[in-house]
Amino acid sequence: MTNAETILPSDHDQTTMNIDLTKSQAAFERAKRLIPGGVNSPARAFGAVGGHPLFIERAQGAYLHDLDGNRFIDYIGSWGPMILGHAEPSVIEAIVQAAQKGTSYGAPTENESRIAELILKAFPSMQRVRLVSSGTEATMSAIRVARGFTGRDRIIKFSGCYHGHVDSLLVSAGSAAATLGVPDSPGVTPGTSQDTIVLNYNDCQSLRETLHQQGTSIAAVILEPVVGNMGTVIPTSEFLTTLREETRNHGVVLIFDEVMTGFRVAYGGAQEIFGVQPDMTTLGKIVGGGLPLAAYGGRAEIMDQVMPAGKVYQAGTLSGNPLATAAGAKTLELLASDPPYEYLETLGKRLGDGLLAAARDHGIDAQMQRVGSMMTLFFNPNPVVDWPSADRSNRKLFAKYFWGLIQRGVYMPCSQFEALFFSRKHTLEDIDRTIQAARDFFQKNA
């Protein structure tokens, strides 16, 4: 998904595991003959941990069930959306009721306004919102609107932050200093990324210097306010303060990519936790309740540039799809009426403390970085504050850890550089079983 995912395959031999994965292996071989790499998103390919991916047959609550009949405690949650747990009955009912009326109209529905109201109430920094179908669409559109609003071309992003497979955002940093973006994927031309400046996360000095020197040409600064795509990396208060003050001083649009963090770390996302209001916000994952739905929004004067209110073009046949808005609206209503965040914080602290202790008690250099129900256990001797420090993590140990926990019935993210997530359906017993699985693994592999 990011620069962090281009990792040499692990030397771990999946065949040493005890559980049966033969059906998944056969399914993967079939898929490879039909689909590039056998998957429809690279993060699913297990390239960072070796072996072949598990093919999932069904999911319920806190658990995944694969084709071979194995059950796993799930810590990816569809990479974040399933905060209520898999197959939440009231969300499923909302989807069924919507489907019975038709799956797509190509015309406005009241449910689009219903979910828009819920989003705007949760995020006071947003006065207008536009629905789209993916996080990539949301960030791509937000960048275009920021450019249209400011009349400027250049943008700043941060190394290790992933904002979807948008050409101008598929670039990574070459050093801690400001660098012009270099395409990070074949097929991305230098021209599409020449206006992207890449800085290191949490580097206030480079941000100040870049805006001082080039601020009049910069349309927007975009970042994950809690990073999830180089593992969980938390911004310093100085970094957030500098971002807000310096972008405001230079007339630059500050965009928070809360595709992961929105409705996850708090109902109002990371901006609620940190008390910093961006000019624009992008949302995805939870906002769609597990269906393809995303959104971007911000101050009215910015969003009123979007056609048909303004001249910045953006459109989508399935934007605001009735099934997706039904699932998303029901999810947000349940999160508002019965907030799970205190419970998730309790479980998160127990899990984070437990996994860290399990590693360190067995002499493993590790760092636990967590915000609520979003966390990463880094196999790293030092805290991770940016991509260069994340890059020093022990990938081979993580690959062994991943498969060791799979063998023990626990499904972690298949990369050292992805955050784990859990749901309100996870129990203390699930958490303690996970910690014990980690202890068993470290005891045998320390």
Protein backbone atom coordinates (compact mmCIF):
# COMPACT_ATOMS: atom_id res chain seq x y z
CA MET A 1 0.00 0.00 0.00
CA THR A 2 2.92 2.32 0.67
CA ASN A 3 6.64 2.56 0.28
CA ALA A 4 6.75 0.57 3.51
CA GLU A 5 5.24 -2.42 1.73
CA THR A 6 8.10 -2.93 -0.72
CA ILE A 7 9.87 -5.47 1.45
CA LEU A 8 11.96 -8.52 0.60
CA PRO A 9 9.95 -11.71 1.10
CA SER A 10 10.42 -13.34 4.48
CA ASP A 11 12.53 -16.48 4.75
CA HIS A 12 9.90 -17.93 7.06
CA ASP A 13 8.61 -21.26 5.79
CA GLN A 14 4.85 -21.35 6.02
CA THR A 15 4.87 -25.14 5.64
CA THR A 16 6.13 -25.53 9.22
CA MET A 17 2.73 -24.52 10.56
CA ASN A 18 0.36 -27.02 12.09
CA ILE A 19 -2.97 -25.69 10.84
CA ASP A 20 -4.34 -26.82 7.49
CA LEU A 21 -4.29 -24.14 4.79
CA THR A 22 -4.59 -26.32 1.70
CA LYS A 23 -7.88 -24.83 0.48
CA SER A 24 -6.53 -21.31 0.81
CA GLN A 25 -3.43 -22.30 -1.12
CA ALA A 26 -5.51 -23.82 -3.91
CA ALA A 27 -7.74 -20.74 -4.02
CA PHE A 28 -4.68 -18.52 -4.28
CA GLU A 29 -3.22 -20.56 -7.14
CA ARG A 30 -6.52 -20.22 -8.99
CA ALA A 31 -6.69 -16.48 -8.30
CA LYS A 32 -3.14 -15.93 -9.61
CA ARG A 33 -4.23 -17.28 -12.97
CA LEU A 34 -7.04 -14.72 -13.14
CA ILE A 35 -6.03 -11.64 -11.13
CA PRO A 36 -2.63 -9.85 -11.10
CA GLY A 37 -0.76 -11.36 -8.16
CA GLY A 38 -3.90 -13.22 -7.14
CA VAL A 39 -5.32 -10.31 -5.14
CA ASN A 40 -7.28 -7.12 -5.78
CA SER A 41 -5.22 -5.01 -3.36
CA PRO A 42 -1.48 -5.53 -2.74
CA ALA A 43 -1.72 -5.54 1.07
CA ARG A 44 -3.64 -8.82 0.89
CA ALA A 45 -0.84 -10.69 -0.89
CA PHE A 46 1.29 -11.39 2.23
CA GLY A 47 4.33 -10.09 0.38
CA ALA A 48 5.72 -8.64 3.61
CA VAL A 49 5.47 -11.92 5.57
CA GLY A 50 5.94 -14.64 2.96
CA GLY A 51 3.68 -17.58 2.19
CA HIS A 52 0.24 -17.32 0.65
CA PRO A 53 -2.78 -15.38 1.89
CA LEU A 54 -5.65 -16.94 3.76
CA PHE A 55 -8.92 -16.90 1.82
CA ILE A 56 -11.82 -15.92 4.05
CA GLU A 57 -15.19 -17.64 3.80
CA ARG A 58 -17.13 -15.63 6.39
CA ALA A 59 -16.79 -13.38 9.42
CA GLN A 60 -18.87 -12.85 12.53
CA GLY A 61 -18.31 -10.48 15.43
CA ALA A 62 -14.61 -10.56 16.33
CA TYR A 63 -13.75 -13.61 14.23
CA LEU A 64 -12.67 -14.59 10.72
CA HIS A 65 -13.31 -18.08 9.30
CA ASP A 66 -11.19 -19.25 6.37
CA LEU A 67 -11.86 -21.81 3.64
CA ASP A 68 -10.14 -24.54 5.64
CA GLY A 69 -12.44 -24.10 8.63
CA ASN A 70 -9.91 -22.26 10.82
CA ARG A 71 -11.22 -19.52 13.11
CA PHE A 72 -9.10 -16.49 13.97
CA ILE A 73 -9.46 -13.54 16.32
CA ASP A 74 -9.45 -10.70 13.80
CA TYR A 75 -7.18 -7.68 14.24
CA ILE A 76 -7.51 -6.14 10.80
CA GLY A 77 -11.28 -5.56 10.71
CA SER A 78 -11.23 -5.07 6.93
CA TRP A 79 -8.33 -2.64 7.58
CA GLY A 80 -10.42 -0.53 9.93
CA PRO A 81 -14.10 -0.31 9.00
CA MET A 82 -15.52 -3.05 11.23
CA ILE A 83 -15.53 -1.14 14.52
CA LEU A 84 -18.94 -2.66 15.39
CA GLY A 85 -17.72 -6.16 14.53
CA HIS A 86 -18.41 -8.26 11.48
CA ALA A 87 -21.99 -8.76 10.31
CA GLU A 88 -23.52 -6.37 12.86
CA PRO A 89 -27.24 -7.37 12.65
CA SER A 90 -28.70 -3.86 12.49
CA VAL A 91 -26.25 -2.82 9.76
CA ILE A 92 -27.04 -5.96 7.76
CA GLU A 93 -30.75 -5.24 8.15
CA ALA A 94 -30.26 -1.67 6.89
CA ILE A 95 -28.42 -2.98 3.84
CA VAL A 96 -31.12 -5.57 3.10
CA GLN A 97 -33.91 -3.02 3.42
CA ALA A 98 -32.08 -0.64 1.08
CA ALA A 99 -31.37 -3.40 -1.46
CA GLN A 100 -35.03 -4.36 -1.60
CA LYS A 101 -35.77 -0.86 -2.90
CA GLY A 102 -33.07 -0.98 -5.59
CA THR A 103 -29.30 -0.96 -5.58
CA SER A 104 -28.55 2.25 -7.48
CA TYR A 105 -30.56 5.10 -8.96
CA GLY A 106 -28.17 7.67 -10.42
CA ALA A 107 -30.32 10.28 -8.72
CA PRO A 108 -30.33 11.97 -5.30
CA THR A 109 -31.75 10.28 -2.20
CA GLU A 110 -32.63 11.59 1.24
CA ASN A 111 -30.23 9.07 2.78
CA GLU A 112 -27.33 11.02 1.27
CA SER A 113 -28.38 14.05 3.29
CA ARG A 114 -28.95 11.86 6.34
CA ILE A 115 -25.36 10.60 6.39
CA ALA A 116 -24.03 14.05 5.47
CA GLU A 117 -25.73 15.49 8.55
CA LEU A 118 -24.17 12.80 10.74
CA ILE A 119 -20.71 13.52 9.33
CA LEU A 120 -20.97 17.28 9.71
CA LYS A 121 -22.21 16.97 13.28
CA ALA A 122 -19.27 14.71 14.17
CA PHE A 123 -16.70 16.96 12.48
CA PRO A 124 -17.32 20.66 13.25
CA SER A 125 -14.44 21.66 10.95
CA MET A 126 -16.57 20.50 8.00
CA GLN A 127 -19.40 22.73 6.82
CA ARG A 128 -20.00 20.94 3.51
CA VAL A 129 -19.30 17.34 2.52
CA ARG A 130 -19.27 15.41 -0.77
CA LEU A 131 -19.72 11.63 -0.87
CA VAL A 132 -17.50 9.42 -3.04
CA SER A 133 -16.77 5.69 -3.20
CA SER A 134 -13.20 5.28 -1.90
CA GLY A 135 -10.54 6.93 0.20
CA THR A 136 -8.43 7.39 -2.92
CA GLU A 137 -11.26 9.35 -4.55
CA ALA A 138 -11.63 11.45 -1.42
CA THR A 139 -7.97 12.48 -1.20
CA MET A 140 -7.65 12.98 -4.96
CA SER A 141 -10.69 15.24 -4.94
CA ALA A 142 -9.60 17.17 -1.85
CA ILE A 143 -6.26 17.98 -3.47
CA ARG A 144 -7.99 19.15 -6.65
CA VAL A 145 -10.38 21.36 -4.69
CA ALA A 146 -7.54 22.85 -2.65
CA ARG A 147 -5.71 23.71 -5.84
CA GLY A 148 -8.83 25.22 -7.35
CA PHE A 149 -9.51 27.24 -4.21
CA THR A 150 -6.00 28.64 -3.83
CA GLY A 151 -5.01 28.90 -7.49
CA ARG A 152 -1.73 27.17 -6.57
CA ASP A 153 -0.22 23.92 -7.85
CA ARG A 154 2.15 22.42 -5.31
CA ILE A 155 1.35 20.22 -2.31
CA ILE A 156 3.25 18.88 0.69
CA LYS A 157 2.89 15.32 1.93
CA PHE A 158 4.89 13.32 4.46
CA SER A 159 7.00 10.24 3.90
CA GLY A 160 5.22 7.12 5.16
CA CYS A 161 1.74 8.64 4.91
CA TYR A 162 -0.42 6.84 2.36
CA HIS A 163 -3.29 8.71 0.74
CA GLY A 164 -4.51 6.21 -1.82
CA HIS A 165 -3.13 5.36 -5.24
CA VAL A 166 -3.33 8.92 -6.56
CA ASP A 167 -0.51 9.63 -9.02
CA SER A 168 0.62 12.86 -7.37
CA LEU A 169 0.65 11.21 -3.92
CA LEU A 170 2.53 8.00 -4.82
CA VAL A 171 5.87 9.53 -3.94
CA SER A 172 8.26 9.05 -1.02
CA ALA A 173 10.99 11.13 0.60
CA GLY A 174 14.66 10.74 -0.17
CA SER A 175 15.91 12.51 2.95
CA ALA A 176 14.79 14.51 5.96
CA ALA A 177 15.08 17.68 3.87
CA ALA A 178 12.40 18.81 1.49
CA THR A 179 12.69 16.93 -1.81
CA LEU A 180 10.74 17.08 -4.99
CA GLY A 181 8.66 13.96 -5.32
CA VAL A 182 10.03 11.04 -7.30
CA PRO A 183 7.42 8.63 -8.67
CA ASP A 184 7.13 5.58 -6.43
CA SER A 185 5.41 3.34 -8.99
CA PRO A 186 5.88 2.55 -12.68
CA GLY A 187 3.18 4.26 -14.68
CA VAL A 188 3.38 7.44 -12.58
CA THR A 189 5.03 10.10 -14.71
CA PRO A 190 7.48 12.66 -13.33
CA GLY A 191 5.09 15.35 -14.50
CA THR A 192 2.29 14.19 -12.22
CA SER A 193 4.52 14.25 -9.14
CA GLN A 194 6.73 17.24 -9.85
CA ASP A 195 4.47 19.48 -7.77
CA THR A 196 4.62 17.17 -4.72
CA ILE A 197 7.07 18.04 -1.95
CA VAL A 198 7.82 15.28 0.56
CA LEU A 199 8.90 15.96 4.14
CA ASN A 200 9.49 13.77 7.17
CA TYR A 201 6.63 13.36 9.62
CA ASN A 202 7.04 15.27 12.89
CA ASP A 203 9.77 17.47 11.35
CA CYS A 204 8.71 20.98 12.30
CA GLN A 205 11.84 22.73 11.06
CA SER A 206 11.59 21.39 7.50
CA LEU A 207 7.91 22.28 7.41
CA ARG A 208 8.54 25.86 8.53
CA GLU A 209 11.43 26.33 6.10
CA THR A 210 9.53 24.89 3.15
CA LEU A 211 6.47 27.04 3.74
CA HIS A 212 8.63 30.14 4.32
CA GLN A 213 10.50 29.58 1.06
CA GLN A 214 7.71 28.25 -1.17
CA GLY A 215 4.45 29.02 0.63
CA THR A 216 3.03 31.23 -2.12
CA SER A 217 3.13 28.26 -4.54
CA ILE A 218 1.75 25.60 -2.17
CA ALA A 219 -1.95 24.79 -2.29
CA ALA A 220 -2.21 22.21 0.48
CA VAL A 221 -0.50 20.14 3.14
CA ILE A 222 -1.98 16.66 3.53
CA LEU A 223 -1.22 14.15 6.29
CA GLU A 224 -2.61 11.35 8.40
CA PRO A 225 -3.12 12.98 11.83
CA VAL A 226 -2.35 9.56 13.30
CA VAL A 227 -0.39 7.56 10.76
CA GLY A 228 -1.52 4.03 10.06
CA ASN A 229 0.43 3.24 6.92
CA MET A 230 3.94 2.99 8.34
CA GLY A 231 2.50 1.46 11.46
CA THR A 232 0.87 3.64 14.09
CA VAL A 233 2.87 6.88 14.37
CA ILE A 234 1.60 9.66 16.60
CA PRO A 235 2.16 13.36 15.90
CA THR A 236 3.83 15.54 18.48
CA SER A 237 1.87 18.49 19.82
CA GLU A 238 4.55 20.82 18.41
CA PHE A 239 4.12 19.28 14.96
CA LEU A 240 0.34 19.74 14.98
CA THR A 241 0.62 23.29 16.29
CA THR A 242 3.21 24.15 13.66
CA LEU A 243 1.06 22.64 10.91
CA ARG A 244 -1.98 24.67 11.88
CA GLU A 245 -0.18 27.96 12.46
CA GLU A 246 2.11 27.86 9.44
CA THR A 247 -0.51 26.75 6.91
CA ARG A 248 -2.84 29.47 8.14
CA ASN A 249 -0.08 32.08 7.93
CA HIS A 250 0.72 31.16 4.33
CA GLY A 251 -2.84 30.65 3.07
CA VAL A 252 -2.27 26.92 2.58
CA VAL A 253 -5.15 24.44 2.91
CA LEU A 254 -4.52 21.93 5.72
CA ILE A 255 -6.01 18.53 4.90
CA PHE A 256 -6.38 15.79 7.49
CA ASP A 257 -6.64 12.36 5.89
CA GLU A 258 -8.88 10.67 8.46
CA VAL A 259 -9.80 7.72 6.25
CA MET A 260 -8.44 5.46 9.01
CA THR A 261 -8.88 7.60 12.11
CA GLY A 262 -12.31 9.09 11.41
CA PHE A 263 -14.87 7.54 13.81
CA ARG A 264 -12.11 5.13 14.92
CA VAL A 265 -9.86 6.87 17.45
CA ALA A 266 -12.84 8.99 18.51
CA TYR A 267 -16.25 9.71 17.04
CA GLY A 268 -14.89 13.01 15.72
CA GLY A 269 -11.60 11.47 14.67
CA ALA A 270 -8.08 12.56 15.51
CA GLN A 271 -9.02 16.21 15.25
CA GLU A 272 -11.38 15.72 18.19
CA ILE A 273 -8.61 14.14 20.28
CA PHE A 274 -5.94 16.71 19.46
CA GLY A 275 -8.18 19.78 19.29
CA VAL A 276 -6.86 20.87 15.89
CA GLN A 277 -9.30 21.81 13.15
CA PRO A 278 -8.06 21.35 9.57
CA ASP A 279 -9.49 23.20 6.58
CA MET A 280 -10.47 19.95 4.85
CA THR A 281 -10.96 16.34 5.95
CA THR A 282 -11.14 13.07 4.06
CA LEU A 283 -13.04 10.08 5.44
CA GLY A 284 -13.52 6.44 4.49
CA LYS A 285 -13.64 2.94 5.98
CA ILE A 286 -15.96 3.28 9.03
CA VAL A 287 -18.04 5.98 7.33
CA GLY A 288 -19.31 3.32 4.91
CA GLY A 289 -20.01 0.65 7.51
CA GLY A 290 -17.98 -1.86 5.49
CA LEU A 291 -19.35 -0.88 2.08
CA PRO A 292 -17.56 1.30 -0.51
CA LEU A 293 -18.20 4.84 0.70
CA ALA A 294 -15.92 7.76 1.47
CA ALA A 295 -16.22 11.51 1.81
CA TYR A 296 -14.31 14.75 1.67
CA GLY A 297 -15.37 18.07 3.11
CA GLY A 298 -14.31 21.28 4.76
CA ARG A 299 -15.07 24.94 5.14
CA ALA A 300 -17.99 26.16 3.06
CA GLU A 301 -15.91 28.66 1.07
CA ILE A 302 -13.61 25.84 -0.02
CA MET A 303 -16.25 23.21 -0.73
CA ASP A 304 -18.43 25.65 -2.65
CA GLN A 305 -15.75 25.49 -5.36
CA VAL A 306 -17.00 21.98 -6.22
CA MET A 307 -19.28 21.63 -9.25
CA PRO A 308 -22.17 22.32 -9.58
CA ALA A 309 -21.82 24.99 -6.88
CA GLY A 310 -18.44 25.99 -8.32
CA LYS A 311 -16.10 25.14 -11.17
CA VAL A 312 -13.94 22.30 -9.75
CA TYR A 313 -15.11 19.12 -11.43
CA GLN A 314 -15.68 15.88 -9.55
CA ALA A 315 -18.29 13.21 -10.24
CA GLY A 316 -19.07 9.54 -9.64
CA THR A 317 -21.86 7.27 -10.87
CA LEU A 318 -22.02 5.32 -7.61
CA SER A 319 -21.23 8.19 -5.25
CA GLY A 320 -23.76 8.12 -2.42
CA ASN A 321 -24.90 4.62 -3.40
CA PRO A 322 -28.08 3.76 -1.43
CA LEU A 323 -26.70 0.51 0.00
CA ALA A 324 -23.49 2.20 1.15
CA THR A 325 -25.25 5.19 2.67
CA ALA A 326 -27.66 2.87 4.49
CA ALA A 327 -24.79 0.87 6.00
CA GLY A 328 -22.78 3.99 6.80
CA ALA A 329 -25.64 5.94 8.35
CA LYS A 330 -26.67 3.01 10.54
CA THR A 331 -23.06 2.52 11.68
CA LEU A 332 -22.61 6.19 12.58
CA GLU A 333 -25.96 6.26 14.39
CA LEU A 334 -24.98 3.25 16.49
CA LEU A 335 -21.61 4.78 17.31
CA ALA A 336 -23.33 7.99 18.40
CA SER A 337 -26.16 6.41 20.41
CA ASP A 338 -24.02 3.78 22.14
CA PRO A 339 -20.41 4.98 21.99
CA PRO A 340 -17.89 2.12 22.32
CA TYR A 341 -14.83 4.31 22.74
CA GLU A 342 -14.36 3.96 26.50
CA TYR A 343 -14.63 0.18 26.18
CA LEU A 344 -12.23 0.17 23.21
CA GLU A 345 -9.74 2.26 25.19
CA THR A 346 -9.87 -0.23 28.06
CA LEU A 347 -9.29 -3.17 25.73
CA GLY A 348 -6.65 -1.25 23.79
CA LYS A 349 -4.58 -0.50 26.86
CA ARG A 350 -4.80 -4.10 28.00
CA LEU A 351 -3.81 -5.43 24.58
CA GLY A 352 -1.05 -2.87 24.01
CA ASP A 353 0.50 -3.31 27.44
CA GLY A 354 0.20 -7.09 27.19
CA LEU A 355 1.82 -7.45 23.77
CA LEU A 356 4.65 -5.12 24.72
CA ALA A 357 5.33 -6.96 27.97
CA ALA A 358 5.21 -10.31 26.17
CA ALA A 359 7.98 -9.15 23.82
CA ARG A 360 10.18 -7.33 26.32
CA ASP A 361 9.89 -10.07 28.96
CA HIS A 362 11.59 -12.34 26.45
CA GLY A 363 14.35 -9.90 25.54
CA ILE A 364 12.79 -8.58 22.33
CA ASP A 365 13.40 -4.92 21.42
CA ALA A 366 9.90 -3.56 20.85
CA GLN A 367 7.78 -0.41 20.95
CA MET A 368 4.01 -0.25 21.35
CA GLN A 369 2.39 2.80 19.76
CA ARG A 370 -1.35 3.17 20.22
CA VAL A 371 -4.27 5.56 19.94
CA GLY A 372 -7.47 3.89 21.17
CA SER A 373 -8.25 0.78 19.14
CA MET A 374 -5.51 1.47 16.59
CA MET A 375 -1.97 0.28 17.40
CA THR A 376 1.29 -1.25 16.23
CA LEU A 377 3.87 -3.40 17.99
CA PHE A 378 7.12 -2.31 16.34
CA PHE A 379 10.09 -4.66 16.57
CA ASN A 380 12.36 -1.69 16.96
CA PRO A 381 14.76 -0.61 19.74
CA ASN A 382 13.61 3.02 19.53
CA PRO A 383 10.29 4.91 19.35
CA VAL A 384 8.99 5.37 15.82
CA VAL A 385 8.37 9.02 14.91
CA ASP A 386 8.71 9.00 11.11
CA TRP A 387 9.47 6.74 8.15
CA PRO A 388 13.27 6.59 8.64
CA SER A 389 12.80 5.34 12.20
CA ALA A 390 10.03 2.92 11.16
CA ASP A 391 12.31 1.58 8.43
CA ARG A 392 14.72 0.27 11.09
CA SER A 393 12.14 -2.24 12.38
CA ASN A 394 12.91 -5.96 12.27
CA ARG A 395 10.87 -7.23 9.33
CA LYS A 396 12.02 -10.85 9.59
CA LEU A 397 10.99 -11.08 13.22
CA PHE A 398 7.62 -9.58 12.38
CA ALA A 399 7.05 -12.19 9.65
CA LYS A 400 7.75 -14.99 12.13
CA TYR A 401 5.51 -13.27 14.70
CA PHE A 402 2.68 -12.98 12.17
CA TRP A 403 2.75 -16.67 11.25
CA GLY A 404 3.33 -17.70 14.85
CA LEU A 405 0.11 -15.97 15.84
CA ILE A 406 -1.77 -17.35 12.83
CA GLN A 407 -0.79 -20.79 14.07
CA ARG A 408 -2.28 -19.85 17.44
CA GLY A 409 -5.58 -18.58 16.03
CA VAL A 410 -4.83 -14.84 15.88
CA TYR A 411 -4.96 -12.85 12.62
CA MET A 412 -2.71 -9.77 12.78
CA PRO A 413 -2.04 -7.31 9.93
CA CYS A 414 0.32 -8.94 7.44
CA SER A 415 2.95 -6.19 7.58
CA GLN A 416 5.04 -4.53 10.26
CA PHE A 417 3.92 -1.27 8.71
CA GLU A 418 0.16 -1.60 9.08
CA ALA A 419 -1.88 -0.73 12.15
CA LEU A 420 -4.03 -3.34 13.84
CA PHE A 421 -7.69 -2.66 14.66
CA PHE A 422 -10.28 -4.36 16.82
CA SER A 423 -14.00 -3.97 17.46
CA ARG A 424 -16.53 -3.59 20.23
CA LYS A 425 -17.30 -7.31 19.76
CA HIS A 426 -13.85 -8.27 21.02
CA THR A 427 -13.93 -9.44 24.63
CA LEU A 428 -11.43 -9.43 27.47
CA GLU A 429 -11.10 -13.16 26.84
CA ASP A 430 -10.15 -12.48 23.21
CA ILE A 431 -7.57 -9.93 24.32
CA ASP A 432 -6.06 -12.23 26.94
CA ARG A 433 -5.95 -15.14 24.49
CA THR A 434 -4.08 -12.90 22.06
CA ILE A 435 -1.56 -11.82 24.69
CA GLN A 436 -1.00 -15.43 25.71
CA ALA A 437 -0.51 -16.42 22.06
CA ALA A 438 2.16 -13.74 21.77
CA ARG A 439 3.83 -14.95 24.98
CA ASP A 440 3.88 -18.51 23.71
CA PHE A 441 5.42 -17.36 20.44
CA PHE A 442 8.15 -15.24 22.06
CA GLN A 443 8.98 -17.97 24.55
CA LYS A 444 9.73 -20.36 21.68
CA ASN A 445 11.45 -17.81 19.44
CA ALA A 446 13.36 -15.48 21.79
